[in-house]
Structures are given as structure tokens and as C-alpha cells.
Amino acid sequence: MSNQKKKWLAKGIGLVFGSLFLAGTANKIISSFNAPPTIRLEQIEAMYAQKQYPEALKAIDLFQQQPDNNVKAALIESNIYRQLKQPAKALASLESEIQKKPDSQLYEQLALIYSEQGKNAEAEAALKQAIKHDPRNVFALNNLAVLYINKKQTPEAETYLRQAIKAAPSYPDAYRNLGFLHLQTKNTLEAKKHLEFYLKLQPQAPDAAEIRKLIG
């Protein structure tokens, strides 16, 4: 999966939220539900990719009854409800799975939905839970930093961005956001250093020309 395909755009200075992208290859399943079939995650991903949402939701319900469940099914389910503009159901699907199996990715997705609703306090709490369950979740670390940047809480934002870089030294969004953070605080030398490294990692980034012009 491409870790930069879906992004949250933060306010003001173009900060980037990393997020989750789900896809798969096309398959047809479920000819009859007279006996519970064995559902594979790849089949659910294929239905999601083909926008066969009713079939995917039915398959997810069966999949989650199997002993060897996978949290990605709940992530797909929540994304389907997001596409259908039903955020309450998207949240409910995640919260139900969290009750059974707390997982960093589930909390990360929960934060995404809260952020889309403008519920930043709830998003912040969910991101902290994501980090608690996986201290190396770079998406959650980066996204929490963006929330703090928007709240002008610079020390907290820098702490989480540096944790993201430590966890994943090649994760470009953290360097970009750290560069913009230093621009906010007028630390142009540090800003230039981090933005140059971002461009080294992402030379063809959509904002590459703009950033090159910015840093001179």
C-alpha cells in the first residue's frame, strides 16, 4: 500500500496527514449463504475496490464471525460507510471491533473520521490510543503532531514529529511538517534542512516546485 495516497490536509500551511489506502484485485464470491462460507480478506478487498459495497458489507459480517478475524475488515467497513456519507455507522463499526480487539490502526481510523467531523478533541484522544497500542505508528505520530501545530502547541508537535522520524527515518510527511513547523517559529535554517530532506525523499512531490521556491 502507498502510505501517501490518502492524506488529510491540515489548516493554514498545507500540513499532511498520512492515512490508510485499501485496495485489492477483483473476485466474485458468495454464491449462496445457506451454509456459512469461508470468507477471505482478499475477496472483501476486491469488492471494496470494485465499489460493490452491499456485497462487501455482507461478506465483512460473515468474515468477522470467523475465528481468524483481521482488523482490516473493520477498516474497510468504516471506509465504505465514509464513502456512503454515514459517519455514525463508520464510527460504530470501528468501536465494535475495538471492544473485541483494540488495535492501533483502528484508533488511527477512528481519529480520521473524528477529524473529518471537526471533532479534534476526540481525534486527539483516538490518536493517543493508537500510539499507546503501537508507539511506532508513524501515521498516528505525524497526525497528532499536525493537530498540535494547528493548536500552536509547538513543543508537543515537534516531539511527536521527531518520534515519527525516529520510528521511520524515510517517512517524508514528518520532515515536511517539521519544516513548516520551524517556518512558523522563524527557525529558517532548521526549516530549510528538513524541507530539503523531504524533497530528497519525494523529488516528484506535487508541492516540490512550491517548496523549492519557498526555501530558495
N, C-alpha and C. Protein backbone atom coordinates (compact mmCIF):
# COMPACT_ATOMS: atom_id res chain seq x y z
N MET A 1 0.84 -1.18 0.00
CA MET A 1 0.00 0.00 0.00
C MET A 1 0.87 1.23 0.00
N SER A 2 0.40 2.30 -0.62
CA SER A 2 1.16 3.53 -0.66
C SER A 2 0.76 4.38 0.52
N ASN A 3 1.76 4.70 1.36
CA ASN A 3 1.47 5.38 2.60
C ASN A 3 1.12 6.85 2.41
N GLN A 4 1.23 7.39 1.19
CA GLN A 4 0.94 8.79 0.98
C GLN A 4 -0.27 9.03 0.10
N LYS A 5 -0.97 7.98 -0.36
CA LYS A 5 -2.03 8.18 -1.35
C LYS A 5 -3.22 8.95 -0.81
N LYS A 6 -3.58 8.61 0.47
CA LYS A 6 -4.71 9.34 1.06
C LYS A 6 -4.15 10.22 2.16
N LYS A 7 -4.46 11.50 2.11
CA LYS A 7 -3.89 12.40 3.08
C LYS A 7 -4.96 13.31 3.65
N TRP A 8 -4.74 13.72 4.91
CA TRP A 8 -5.58 14.74 5.49
C TRP A 8 -4.86 16.04 5.30
N LEU A 9 -5.55 17.06 4.86
CA LEU A 9 -4.93 18.36 4.70
C LEU A 9 -5.23 19.20 5.93
N ALA A 10 -4.18 19.61 6.67
CA ALA A 10 -4.39 20.42 7.85
C ALA A 10 -4.52 21.89 7.44
N LYS A 11 -4.94 22.73 8.39
CA LYS A 11 -5.28 24.10 8.07
C LYS A 11 -4.03 24.95 7.90
N GLY A 12 -4.14 25.96 7.06
CA GLY A 12 -3.20 27.07 7.05
C GLY A 12 -1.96 26.86 6.22
N ILE A 13 -1.12 25.90 6.55
CA ILE A 13 0.17 25.81 5.89
C ILE A 13 0.35 24.50 5.16
N GLY A 14 -0.72 23.86 4.82
CA GLY A 14 -0.62 22.68 3.97
C GLY A 14 0.00 21.49 4.63
N LEU A 15 -0.23 21.27 5.91
CA LEU A 15 0.32 20.12 6.61
C LEU A 15 -0.38 18.85 6.15
N VAL A 16 0.36 17.75 6.20
CA VAL A 16 -0.14 16.50 5.60
C VAL A 16 -0.41 15.47 6.66
N PHE A 17 -1.60 14.91 6.65
CA PHE A 17 -1.95 13.76 7.46
C PHE A 17 -1.76 12.50 6.63
N GLY A 18 -1.03 11.52 7.16
CA GLY A 18 -0.96 10.23 6.50
C GLY A 18 -2.20 9.42 6.81
N SER A 19 -2.57 8.58 5.99
CA SER A 19 -3.73 7.77 6.21
C SER A 19 -3.60 6.44 5.57
N LEU A 20 -4.76 5.76 5.50
CA LEU A 20 -4.76 4.37 5.09
C LEU A 20 -5.40 4.24 3.72
N PHE A 21 -4.81 3.40 2.82
CA PHE A 21 -5.40 3.12 1.50
C PHE A 21 -5.63 1.63 1.39
N LEU A 22 -6.86 1.26 1.04
CA LEU A 22 -7.23 -0.15 0.94
C LEU A 22 -7.63 -0.47 -0.49
N ALA A 23 -7.10 -1.55 -1.05
CA ALA A 23 -7.46 -1.96 -2.41
C ALA A 23 -7.22 -3.44 -2.57
N GLY A 24 -7.57 -4.01 -3.72
CA GLY A 24 -7.35 -5.43 -3.97
C GLY A 24 -7.69 -5.78 -5.40
N THR A 25 -7.54 -7.03 -5.73
CA THR A 25 -7.88 -7.50 -7.08
C THR A 25 -9.28 -8.07 -7.09
N ALA A 26 -9.92 -8.00 -8.27
CA ALA A 26 -11.34 -8.35 -8.37
C ALA A 26 -11.57 -9.85 -8.29
N ASN A 27 -12.55 -10.24 -7.49
CA ASN A 27 -13.01 -11.62 -7.39
C ASN A 27 -14.51 -11.60 -7.15
N LYS A 28 -15.19 -12.67 -7.51
CA LYS A 28 -16.61 -12.82 -7.21
C LYS A 28 -16.77 -13.94 -6.20
N ILE A 29 -17.57 -13.68 -5.16
CA ILE A 29 -17.78 -14.70 -4.13
C ILE A 29 -19.23 -14.71 -3.70
N ILE A 30 -19.50 -15.60 -2.79
CA ILE A 30 -20.80 -15.72 -2.11
C ILE A 30 -21.91 -16.06 -3.10
N SER A 31 -21.91 -17.27 -3.60
CA SER A 31 -22.99 -17.71 -4.47
C SER A 31 -24.22 -18.11 -3.66
N SER A 32 -23.98 -18.57 -2.43
CA SER A 32 -25.11 -18.95 -1.59
C SER A 32 -24.72 -18.82 -0.15
N PHE A 33 -25.66 -18.39 0.71
CA PHE A 33 -25.38 -18.25 2.13
C PHE A 33 -26.16 -19.28 2.94
N ASN A 34 -26.55 -20.38 2.30
CA ASN A 34 -27.26 -21.43 3.03
C ASN A 34 -26.37 -22.03 4.11
N ALA A 35 -25.08 -22.20 3.79
CA ALA A 35 -24.10 -22.63 4.78
C ALA A 35 -23.05 -21.53 4.87
N PRO A 36 -22.56 -21.22 6.07
CA PRO A 36 -21.59 -20.13 6.21
C PRO A 36 -20.33 -20.41 5.41
N PRO A 37 -20.02 -19.60 4.39
CA PRO A 37 -18.81 -19.82 3.60
C PRO A 37 -17.58 -19.29 4.32
N THR A 38 -16.43 -19.70 3.86
CA THR A 38 -15.19 -19.14 4.35
C THR A 38 -14.87 -17.90 3.52
N ILE A 39 -14.76 -16.76 4.18
CA ILE A 39 -14.51 -15.50 3.51
C ILE A 39 -13.05 -15.12 3.72
N ARG A 40 -12.39 -14.73 2.63
CA ARG A 40 -11.00 -14.28 2.72
C ARG A 40 -10.96 -12.76 2.63
N LEU A 41 -9.99 -12.20 3.32
CA LEU A 41 -9.84 -10.74 3.31
C LEU A 41 -9.63 -10.22 1.89
N GLU A 42 -8.90 -10.97 1.08
CA GLU A 42 -8.63 -10.52 -0.29
C GLU A 42 -9.92 -10.36 -1.10
N GLN A 43 -10.89 -11.21 -0.81
CA GLN A 43 -12.18 -11.12 -1.50
C GLN A 43 -12.94 -9.85 -1.09
N ILE A 44 -12.86 -9.54 0.19
CA ILE A 44 -13.51 -8.32 0.67
C ILE A 44 -12.83 -7.10 0.05
N GLU A 45 -11.51 -7.12 -0.01
CA GLU A 45 -10.77 -6.01 -0.60
C GLU A 45 -11.15 -5.82 -2.07
N ALA A 46 -11.36 -6.93 -2.77
CA ALA A 46 -11.74 -6.86 -4.18
C ALA A 46 -13.10 -6.20 -4.35
N MET A 47 -14.07 -6.59 -3.52
CA MET A 47 -15.40 -5.99 -3.59
C MET A 47 -15.34 -4.50 -3.27
N TYR A 48 -14.52 -4.15 -2.29
CA TYR A 48 -14.37 -2.74 -1.93
C TYR A 48 -13.77 -1.95 -3.10
N ALA A 49 -12.73 -2.51 -3.72
CA ALA A 49 -12.09 -1.84 -4.84
C ALA A 49 -13.06 -1.64 -6.01
N GLN A 50 -13.98 -2.59 -6.19
CA GLN A 50 -14.97 -2.51 -7.27
C GLN A 50 -16.23 -1.75 -6.85
N LYS A 51 -16.21 -1.20 -5.64
CA LYS A 51 -17.34 -0.44 -5.11
C LYS A 51 -18.61 -1.28 -5.02
N GLN A 52 -18.43 -2.56 -4.76
CA GLN A 52 -19.57 -3.46 -4.53
C GLN A 52 -19.89 -3.43 -3.02
N TYR A 53 -20.37 -2.29 -2.57
CA TYR A 53 -20.47 -2.06 -1.14
C TYR A 53 -21.46 -2.97 -0.42
N PRO A 54 -22.67 -3.20 -0.94
CA PRO A 54 -23.59 -4.10 -0.21
C PRO A 54 -23.01 -5.51 -0.07
N GLU A 55 -22.39 -6.01 -1.14
CA GLU A 55 -21.80 -7.34 -1.09
C GLU A 55 -20.63 -7.37 -0.10
N ALA A 56 -19.83 -6.32 -0.11
CA ALA A 56 -18.68 -6.26 0.79
C ALA A 56 -19.13 -6.23 2.25
N LEU A 57 -20.17 -5.46 2.55
CA LEU A 57 -20.67 -5.37 3.92
C LEU A 57 -21.19 -6.73 4.40
N LYS A 58 -21.88 -7.44 3.52
CA LYS A 58 -22.38 -8.77 3.88
C LYS A 58 -21.22 -9.73 4.11
N ALA A 59 -20.20 -9.64 3.27
CA ALA A 59 -19.03 -10.51 3.43
C ALA A 59 -18.27 -10.19 4.71
N ILE A 60 -18.18 -8.90 5.04
CA ILE A 60 -17.49 -8.50 6.28
C ILE A 60 -18.19 -9.06 7.49
N ASP A 61 -19.53 -9.03 7.48
CA ASP A 61 -20.29 -9.58 8.61
C ASP A 61 -19.96 -11.06 8.81
N LEU A 62 -19.87 -11.81 7.73
CA LEU A 62 -19.51 -13.22 7.83
C LEU A 62 -18.05 -13.39 8.24
N PHE A 63 -17.18 -12.58 7.67
CA PHE A 63 -15.75 -12.66 7.95
C PHE A 63 -15.48 -12.45 9.44
N GLN A 64 -16.20 -11.50 10.03
CA GLN A 64 -15.95 -11.18 11.43
C GLN A 64 -16.50 -12.24 12.38
N GLN A 65 -17.27 -13.19 11.86
CA GLN A 65 -17.73 -14.32 12.67
C GLN A 65 -16.74 -15.48 12.66
N GLN A 66 -15.75 -15.40 11.78
CA GLN A 66 -14.75 -16.46 11.69
C GLN A 66 -13.72 -16.31 12.80
N PRO A 67 -13.15 -17.42 13.26
CA PRO A 67 -12.18 -17.35 14.36
C PRO A 67 -10.96 -16.51 14.02
N ASP A 68 -10.45 -16.62 12.79
CA ASP A 68 -9.24 -15.92 12.40
C ASP A 68 -9.61 -14.60 11.73
N ASN A 69 -10.09 -13.67 12.53
CA ASN A 69 -10.52 -12.37 12.03
C ASN A 69 -9.30 -11.47 11.81
N ASN A 70 -9.51 -10.36 11.10
CA ASN A 70 -8.44 -9.41 10.82
C ASN A 70 -9.04 -8.01 10.92
N VAL A 71 -8.34 -7.11 11.60
CA VAL A 71 -8.89 -5.77 11.81
C VAL A 71 -9.08 -5.00 10.50
N LYS A 72 -8.41 -5.41 9.44
CA LYS A 72 -8.55 -4.71 8.16
C LYS A 72 -9.99 -4.76 7.65
N ALA A 73 -10.72 -5.80 8.02
CA ALA A 73 -12.12 -5.87 7.59
C ALA A 73 -12.92 -4.71 8.19
N ALA A 74 -12.68 -4.41 9.45
CA ALA A 74 -13.37 -3.28 10.08
C ALA A 74 -12.93 -1.96 9.47
N LEU A 75 -11.67 -1.87 9.08
CA LEU A 75 -11.19 -0.66 8.42
C LEU A 75 -11.90 -0.47 7.07
N ILE A 76 -12.05 -1.55 6.34
CA ILE A 76 -12.77 -1.48 5.06
C ILE A 76 -14.22 -1.09 5.30
N GLU A 77 -14.83 -1.72 6.30
CA GLU A 77 -16.23 -1.41 6.60
C GLU A 77 -16.41 0.07 6.92
N SER A 78 -15.51 0.61 7.73
CA SER A 78 -15.63 2.03 8.07
C SER A 78 -15.42 2.91 6.84
N ASN A 79 -14.51 2.51 5.95
CA ASN A 79 -14.31 3.29 4.73
C ASN A 79 -15.52 3.24 3.81
N ILE A 80 -16.19 2.10 3.78
CA ILE A 80 -17.42 2.01 2.98
C ILE A 80 -18.45 3.00 3.50
N TYR A 81 -18.64 3.01 4.82
CA TYR A 81 -19.63 3.94 5.38
C TYR A 81 -19.20 5.39 5.20
N ARG A 82 -17.89 5.65 5.19
CA ARG A 82 -17.42 7.00 4.88
C ARG A 82 -17.81 7.38 3.46
N GLN A 83 -17.61 6.46 2.51
CA GLN A 83 -17.97 6.72 1.12
C GLN A 83 -19.48 6.94 0.98
N LEU A 84 -20.25 6.24 1.80
CA LEU A 84 -21.71 6.37 1.75
C LEU A 84 -22.21 7.56 2.58
N LYS A 85 -21.28 8.35 3.12
CA LYS A 85 -21.62 9.52 3.93
C LYS A 85 -22.44 9.15 5.16
N GLN A 86 -22.03 8.07 5.82
CA GLN A 86 -22.68 7.61 7.04
C GLN A 86 -21.63 7.50 8.15
N PRO A 87 -21.13 8.64 8.65
CA PRO A 87 -20.04 8.61 9.62
C PRO A 87 -20.39 7.91 10.93
N ALA A 88 -21.66 7.99 11.34
CA ALA A 88 -22.05 7.33 12.58
C ALA A 88 -21.84 5.82 12.48
N LYS A 89 -22.21 5.24 11.33
CA LYS A 89 -22.00 3.81 11.14
C LYS A 89 -20.52 3.49 11.00
N ALA A 90 -19.76 4.39 10.39
CA ALA A 90 -18.31 4.19 10.28
C ALA A 90 -17.67 4.13 11.66
N LEU A 91 -18.08 5.04 12.53
CA LEU A 91 -17.55 5.04 13.89
C LEU A 91 -17.98 3.79 14.65
N ALA A 92 -19.25 3.41 14.48
CA ALA A 92 -19.77 2.25 15.20
C ALA A 92 -19.04 0.97 14.80
N SER A 93 -18.72 0.84 13.53
CA SER A 93 -18.02 -0.38 13.08
C SER A 93 -16.64 -0.48 13.71
N LEU A 94 -15.97 0.66 13.85
CA LEU A 94 -14.64 0.67 14.47
C LEU A 94 -14.73 0.42 15.97
N GLU A 95 -15.66 1.09 16.62
CA GLU A 95 -15.79 0.95 18.07
C GLU A 95 -16.17 -0.47 18.45
N SER A 96 -17.01 -1.11 17.63
CA SER A 96 -17.39 -2.50 17.90
C SER A 96 -16.17 -3.42 17.83
N GLU A 97 -15.33 -3.20 16.83
CA GLU A 97 -14.13 -4.03 16.68
C GLU A 97 -13.11 -3.74 17.77
N ILE A 98 -13.00 -2.47 18.18
CA ILE A 98 -12.08 -2.09 19.25
C ILE A 98 -12.46 -2.79 20.55
N GLN A 99 -13.77 -2.94 20.80
CA GLN A 99 -14.22 -3.64 22.00
C GLN A 99 -13.72 -5.09 22.02
N LYS A 100 -13.65 -5.69 20.83
CA LYS A 100 -13.20 -7.09 20.74
C LYS A 100 -11.68 -7.19 20.67
N LYS A 101 -11.06 -6.24 19.96
CA LYS A 101 -9.63 -6.37 19.67
C LYS A 101 -9.03 -4.98 19.50
N PRO A 102 -8.64 -4.31 20.59
CA PRO A 102 -8.03 -2.98 20.46
C PRO A 102 -6.79 -3.03 19.56
N ASP A 103 -6.71 -2.10 18.63
CA ASP A 103 -5.62 -2.12 17.66
C ASP A 103 -5.28 -0.69 17.25
N SER A 104 -4.00 -0.44 17.03
CA SER A 104 -3.54 0.91 16.70
C SER A 104 -4.18 1.44 15.42
N GLN A 105 -4.31 0.59 14.40
CA GLN A 105 -4.89 1.04 13.14
C GLN A 105 -6.36 1.42 13.28
N LEU A 106 -7.07 0.70 14.15
CA LEU A 106 -8.48 1.03 14.37
C LEU A 106 -8.62 2.41 15.00
N TYR A 107 -7.76 2.70 15.99
CA TYR A 107 -7.81 4.02 16.62
C TYR A 107 -7.39 5.11 15.63
N GLU A 108 -6.42 4.80 14.79
CA GLU A 108 -5.98 5.77 13.77
C GLU A 108 -7.13 6.12 12.83
N GLN A 109 -7.87 5.10 12.40
CA GLN A 109 -9.02 5.33 11.51
C GLN A 109 -10.12 6.08 12.25
N LEU A 110 -10.30 5.77 13.51
CA LEU A 110 -11.28 6.48 14.33
C LEU A 110 -10.95 7.97 14.36
N ALA A 111 -9.67 8.28 14.52
CA ALA A 111 -9.23 9.68 14.55
C ALA A 111 -9.51 10.38 13.22
N LEU A 112 -9.30 9.66 12.11
CA LEU A 112 -9.58 10.22 10.80
C LEU A 112 -11.03 10.66 10.68
N ILE A 113 -11.94 9.80 11.12
CA ILE A 113 -13.36 10.11 10.99
C ILE A 113 -13.74 11.27 11.91
N TYR A 114 -13.21 11.26 13.13
CA TYR A 114 -13.48 12.39 14.03
C TYR A 114 -12.96 13.70 13.43
N SER A 115 -11.77 13.65 12.83
CA SER A 115 -11.20 14.85 12.23
C SER A 115 -12.06 15.36 11.09
N GLU A 116 -12.59 14.44 10.29
CA GLU A 116 -13.46 14.83 9.19
C GLU A 116 -14.73 15.52 9.69
N GLN A 117 -15.12 15.20 10.92
CA GLN A 117 -16.32 15.82 11.51
C GLN A 117 -15.97 17.08 12.30
N GLY A 118 -14.69 17.46 12.32
CA GLY A 118 -14.28 18.63 13.08
C GLY A 118 -14.19 18.39 14.57
N LYS A 119 -14.19 17.12 14.98
CA LYS A 119 -14.12 16.78 16.40
C LYS A 119 -12.66 16.51 16.78
N ASN A 120 -11.90 17.60 16.91
CA ASN A 120 -10.47 17.47 17.10
C ASN A 120 -10.08 16.90 18.46
N ALA A 121 -10.86 17.18 19.49
CA ALA A 121 -10.55 16.62 20.81
C ALA A 121 -10.68 15.10 20.78
N GLU A 122 -11.74 14.62 20.14
CA GLU A 122 -11.93 13.17 20.02
C GLU A 122 -10.85 12.55 19.14
N ALA A 123 -10.47 13.27 18.07
CA ALA A 123 -9.40 12.77 17.20
C ALA A 123 -8.09 12.67 17.96
N GLU A 124 -7.80 13.68 18.75
CA GLU A 124 -6.57 13.67 19.55
C GLU A 124 -6.54 12.48 20.51
N ALA A 125 -7.65 12.23 21.18
CA ALA A 125 -7.71 11.11 22.13
C ALA A 125 -7.53 9.78 21.40
N ALA A 126 -8.13 9.65 20.23
CA ALA A 126 -8.00 8.40 19.46
C ALA A 126 -6.57 8.20 19.00
N LEU A 127 -5.90 9.27 18.57
CA LEU A 127 -4.51 9.15 18.12
C LEU A 127 -3.59 8.76 19.27
N LYS A 128 -3.87 9.27 20.44
CA LYS A 128 -3.06 8.88 21.61
C LYS A 128 -3.25 7.40 21.94
N GLN A 129 -4.46 6.90 21.75
CA GLN A 129 -4.70 5.47 21.94
C GLN A 129 -3.96 4.66 20.87
N ALA A 130 -3.95 5.17 19.65
CA ALA A 130 -3.22 4.48 18.57
C ALA A 130 -1.75 4.36 18.92
N ILE A 131 -1.18 5.43 19.44
CA ILE A 131 0.24 5.42 19.81
C ILE A 131 0.48 4.54 21.02
N LYS A 132 -0.46 4.52 21.95
CA LYS A 132 -0.33 3.65 23.12
C LYS A 132 -0.25 2.19 22.70
N HIS A 133 -1.04 1.80 21.70
CA HIS A 133 -1.04 0.41 21.25
C HIS A 133 0.08 0.11 20.26
N ASP A 134 0.66 1.15 19.67
CA ASP A 134 1.82 0.96 18.79
C ASP A 134 2.63 2.25 18.78
N PRO A 135 3.64 2.35 19.64
CA PRO A 135 4.43 3.58 19.72
C PRO A 135 5.16 3.93 18.43
N ARG A 136 5.23 3.00 17.48
CA ARG A 136 5.92 3.24 16.22
C ARG A 136 4.94 3.49 15.06
N ASN A 137 3.71 3.76 15.38
CA ASN A 137 2.72 4.09 14.34
C ASN A 137 3.01 5.51 13.83
N VAL A 138 3.75 5.60 12.74
CA VAL A 138 4.21 6.90 12.27
C VAL A 138 3.06 7.78 11.79
N PHE A 139 2.01 7.17 11.26
CA PHE A 139 0.87 7.96 10.80
C PHE A 139 0.21 8.64 12.00
N ALA A 140 0.00 7.90 13.07
CA ALA A 140 -0.62 8.48 14.26
C ALA A 140 0.28 9.55 14.89
N LEU A 141 1.58 9.29 14.94
CA LEU A 141 2.52 10.27 15.48
C LEU A 141 2.49 11.56 14.66
N ASN A 142 2.54 11.42 13.35
CA ASN A 142 2.52 12.58 12.47
C ASN A 142 1.20 13.33 12.57
N ASN A 143 0.09 12.60 12.57
CA ASN A 143 -1.22 13.24 12.61
C ASN A 143 -1.46 13.96 13.92
N LEU A 144 -0.99 13.37 15.01
CA LEU A 144 -1.14 14.04 16.31
C LEU A 144 -0.31 15.32 16.32
N ALA A 145 0.87 15.28 15.73
CA ALA A 145 1.70 16.48 15.63
C ALA A 145 0.99 17.58 14.86
N VAL A 146 0.30 17.21 13.78
CA VAL A 146 -0.42 18.20 12.98
C VAL A 146 -1.52 18.86 13.81
N LEU A 147 -2.22 18.07 14.61
CA LEU A 147 -3.24 18.65 15.48
C LEU A 147 -2.62 19.67 16.43
N TYR A 148 -1.44 19.36 16.97
CA TYR A 148 -0.78 20.28 17.89
C TYR A 148 -0.25 21.52 17.16
N ILE A 149 0.20 21.36 15.92
CA ILE A 149 0.63 22.52 15.14
C ILE A 149 -0.55 23.47 14.95
N ASN A 150 -1.70 22.93 14.62
CA ASN A 150 -2.88 23.77 14.42
C ASN A 150 -3.33 24.45 15.71
N LYS A 151 -3.00 23.85 16.85
CA LYS A 151 -3.33 24.43 18.15
C LYS A 151 -2.21 25.33 18.66
N LYS A 152 -1.15 25.53 17.83
CA LYS A 152 0.01 26.34 18.20
C LYS A 152 0.77 25.78 19.41
N GLN A 153 0.68 24.48 19.59
CA GLN A 153 1.42 23.82 20.68
C GLN A 153 2.71 23.24 20.07
N THR A 154 3.66 24.15 19.85
CA THR A 154 4.87 23.82 19.11
C THR A 154 5.72 22.74 19.76
N PRO A 155 6.01 22.79 21.06
CA PRO A 155 6.87 21.76 21.64
C PRO A 155 6.29 20.35 21.50
N GLU A 156 4.98 20.23 21.75
CA GLU A 156 4.35 18.92 21.63
C GLU A 156 4.40 18.43 20.19
N ALA A 157 4.14 19.33 19.25
CA ALA A 157 4.17 18.95 17.83
C ALA A 157 5.56 18.46 17.44
N GLU A 158 6.59 19.18 17.84
CA GLU A 158 7.95 18.78 17.48
C GLU A 158 8.31 17.44 18.10
N THR A 159 7.88 17.21 19.33
CA THR A 159 8.16 15.93 19.99
C THR A 159 7.61 14.77 19.19
N TYR A 160 6.36 14.87 18.76
CA TYR A 160 5.75 13.75 18.03
C TYR A 160 6.33 13.60 16.62
N LEU A 161 6.68 14.71 15.98
CA LEU A 161 7.30 14.60 14.66
C LEU A 161 8.67 13.92 14.75
N ARG A 162 9.43 14.25 15.78
CA ARG A 162 10.75 13.62 15.94
C ARG A 162 10.59 12.13 16.30
N GLN A 163 9.56 11.80 17.04
CA GLN A 163 9.29 10.39 17.31
C GLN A 163 8.94 9.65 16.02
N ALA A 164 8.18 10.30 15.14
CA ALA A 164 7.82 9.69 13.85
C ALA A 164 9.06 9.46 13.00
N ILE A 165 9.96 10.43 12.99
CA ILE A 165 11.20 10.30 12.21
C ILE A 165 12.08 9.21 12.79
N LYS A 166 12.13 9.12 14.10
CA LYS A 166 12.92 8.06 14.73
C LYS A 166 12.35 6.68 14.39
N ALA A 167 11.03 6.58 14.37
CA ALA A 167 10.39 5.30 14.07
C ALA A 167 10.53 4.93 12.60
N ALA A 168 10.51 5.93 11.72
CA ALA A 168 10.58 5.67 10.27
C ALA A 168 11.39 6.79 9.63
N PRO A 169 12.71 6.64 9.57
CA PRO A 169 13.57 7.71 9.05
C PRO A 169 13.32 8.11 7.60
N SER A 170 12.59 7.29 6.86
CA SER A 170 12.32 7.63 5.47
C SER A 170 10.87 8.07 5.25
N TYR A 171 10.16 8.41 6.30
CA TYR A 171 8.77 8.84 6.18
C TYR A 171 8.73 10.34 5.85
N PRO A 172 8.40 10.72 4.62
CA PRO A 172 8.59 12.11 4.18
C PRO A 172 7.68 13.13 4.86
N ASP A 173 6.43 12.76 5.15
CA ASP A 173 5.49 13.75 5.69
C ASP A 173 5.98 14.37 6.99
N ALA A 174 6.66 13.58 7.80
CA ALA A 174 7.15 14.11 9.08
C ALA A 174 8.18 15.20 8.85
N TYR A 175 9.07 15.01 7.87
CA TYR A 175 10.07 16.03 7.57
C TYR A 175 9.41 17.29 7.01
N ARG A 176 8.41 17.10 6.18
CA ARG A 176 7.69 18.25 5.62
C ARG A 176 7.02 19.06 6.72
N ASN A 177 6.32 18.36 7.58
CA ASN A 177 5.61 19.05 8.65
C ASN A 177 6.57 19.70 9.64
N LEU A 178 7.69 19.03 9.91
CA LEU A 178 8.69 19.62 10.81
C LEU A 178 9.29 20.87 10.18
N GLY A 179 9.50 20.83 8.86
CA GLY A 179 10.00 22.01 8.17
C GLY A 179 9.04 23.18 8.29
N PHE A 180 7.75 22.94 8.07
CA PHE A 180 6.77 24.01 8.19
C PHE A 180 6.63 24.48 9.64
N LEU A 181 6.79 23.56 10.57
CA LEU A 181 6.76 23.95 11.98
C LEU A 181 7.86 24.95 12.28
N HIS A 182 9.06 24.69 11.78
CA HIS A 182 10.18 25.61 12.02
C HIS A 182 9.99 26.93 11.26
N LEU A 183 9.31 26.90 10.13
CA LEU A 183 8.98 28.16 9.46
C LEU A 183 8.06 29.01 10.34
N GLN A 184 7.12 28.35 11.00
CA GLN A 184 6.21 29.08 11.89
C GLN A 184 6.97 29.76 13.02
N THR A 185 8.01 29.09 13.51
CA THR A 185 8.78 29.63 14.63
C THR A 185 9.98 30.46 14.17
N LYS A 186 10.05 30.75 12.86
CA LYS A 186 11.10 31.60 12.27
C LYS A 186 12.49 30.98 12.34
N ASN A 187 12.56 29.68 12.50
CA ASN A 187 13.84 28.98 12.50
C ASN A 187 14.11 28.51 11.08
N THR A 188 14.57 29.44 10.24
CA THR A 188 14.65 29.16 8.81
C THR A 188 15.72 28.12 8.47
N LEU A 189 16.81 28.09 9.23
CA LEU A 189 17.85 27.11 8.93
C LEU A 189 17.35 25.68 9.13
N GLU A 190 16.67 25.45 10.27
CA GLU A 190 16.12 24.12 10.53
C GLU A 190 15.01 23.79 9.53
N ALA A 191 14.20 24.79 9.22
CA ALA A 191 13.12 24.57 8.24
C ALA A 191 13.70 24.14 6.90
N LYS A 192 14.71 24.84 6.44
CA LYS A 192 15.31 24.52 5.15
C LYS A 192 15.91 23.11 5.16
N LYS A 193 16.57 22.75 6.26
CA LYS A 193 17.19 21.43 6.35
C LYS A 193 16.14 20.33 6.20
N HIS A 194 15.04 20.45 6.91
CA HIS A 194 14.03 19.38 6.89
C HIS A 194 13.25 19.37 5.57
N LEU A 195 12.99 20.55 5.01
CA LEU A 195 12.28 20.60 3.74
C LEU A 195 13.15 20.08 2.60
N GLU A 196 14.44 20.35 2.65
CA GLU A 196 15.35 19.79 1.64
C GLU A 196 15.39 18.27 1.72
N PHE A 197 15.36 17.74 2.93
CA PHE A 197 15.37 16.28 3.06
C PHE A 197 14.04 15.69 2.58
N TYR A 198 12.95 16.41 2.83
CA TYR A 198 11.66 15.98 2.30
C TYR A 198 11.72 15.87 0.78
N LEU A 199 12.32 16.87 0.13
CA LEU A 199 12.43 16.86 -1.33
C LEU A 199 13.37 15.76 -1.82
N LYS A 200 14.37 15.45 -1.01
CA LYS A 200 15.26 14.34 -1.37
C LYS A 200 14.49 13.02 -1.36
N LEU A 201 13.60 12.87 -0.39
CA LEU A 201 12.79 11.65 -0.31
C LEU A 201 11.67 11.64 -1.34
N GLN A 202 11.14 12.83 -1.66
CA GLN A 202 10.00 12.95 -2.57
C GLN A 202 10.31 13.99 -3.65
N PRO A 203 11.27 13.73 -4.52
CA PRO A 203 11.64 14.75 -5.52
C PRO A 203 10.51 15.11 -6.48
N GLN A 204 9.57 14.19 -6.69
CA GLN A 204 8.45 14.45 -7.59
C GLN A 204 7.16 14.76 -6.85
N ALA A 205 7.26 15.19 -5.61
CA ALA A 205 6.06 15.50 -4.82
C ALA A 205 5.25 16.61 -5.50
N PRO A 206 3.94 16.58 -5.38
CA PRO A 206 3.10 17.61 -6.01
C PRO A 206 3.47 19.03 -5.61
N ASP A 207 3.98 19.19 -4.39
CA ASP A 207 4.33 20.53 -3.90
C ASP A 207 5.82 20.80 -4.01
N ALA A 208 6.57 19.99 -4.75
CA ALA A 208 8.02 20.12 -4.81
C ALA A 208 8.45 21.49 -5.33
N ALA A 209 7.84 21.93 -6.42
CA ALA A 209 8.22 23.22 -7.01
C ALA A 209 7.94 24.37 -6.04
N GLU A 210 6.80 24.30 -5.37
CA GLU A 210 6.43 25.34 -4.41
C GLU A 210 7.42 25.40 -3.25
N ILE A 211 7.82 24.23 -2.75
CA ILE A 211 8.75 24.20 -1.62
C ILE A 211 10.14 24.64 -2.04
N ARG A 212 10.58 24.25 -3.24
CA ARG A 212 11.90 24.71 -3.72
C ARG A 212 11.95 26.24 -3.82
N LYS A 213 10.85 26.82 -4.28
CA LYS A 213 10.76 28.26 -4.35
C LYS A 213 10.77 28.88 -2.95
N LEU A 214 10.11 28.21 -2.02
CA LEU A 214 10.00 28.72 -0.66
C LEU A 214 11.35 28.77 0.05
N ILE A 215 12.14 27.70 -0.14
CA ILE A 215 13.41 27.62 0.60
C ILE A 215 14.57 28.22 -0.19
N GLY A 216 14.33 28.58 -1.45
CA GLY A 216 15.34 29.28 -2.24
C GLY A 216 16.43 28.42 -2.82
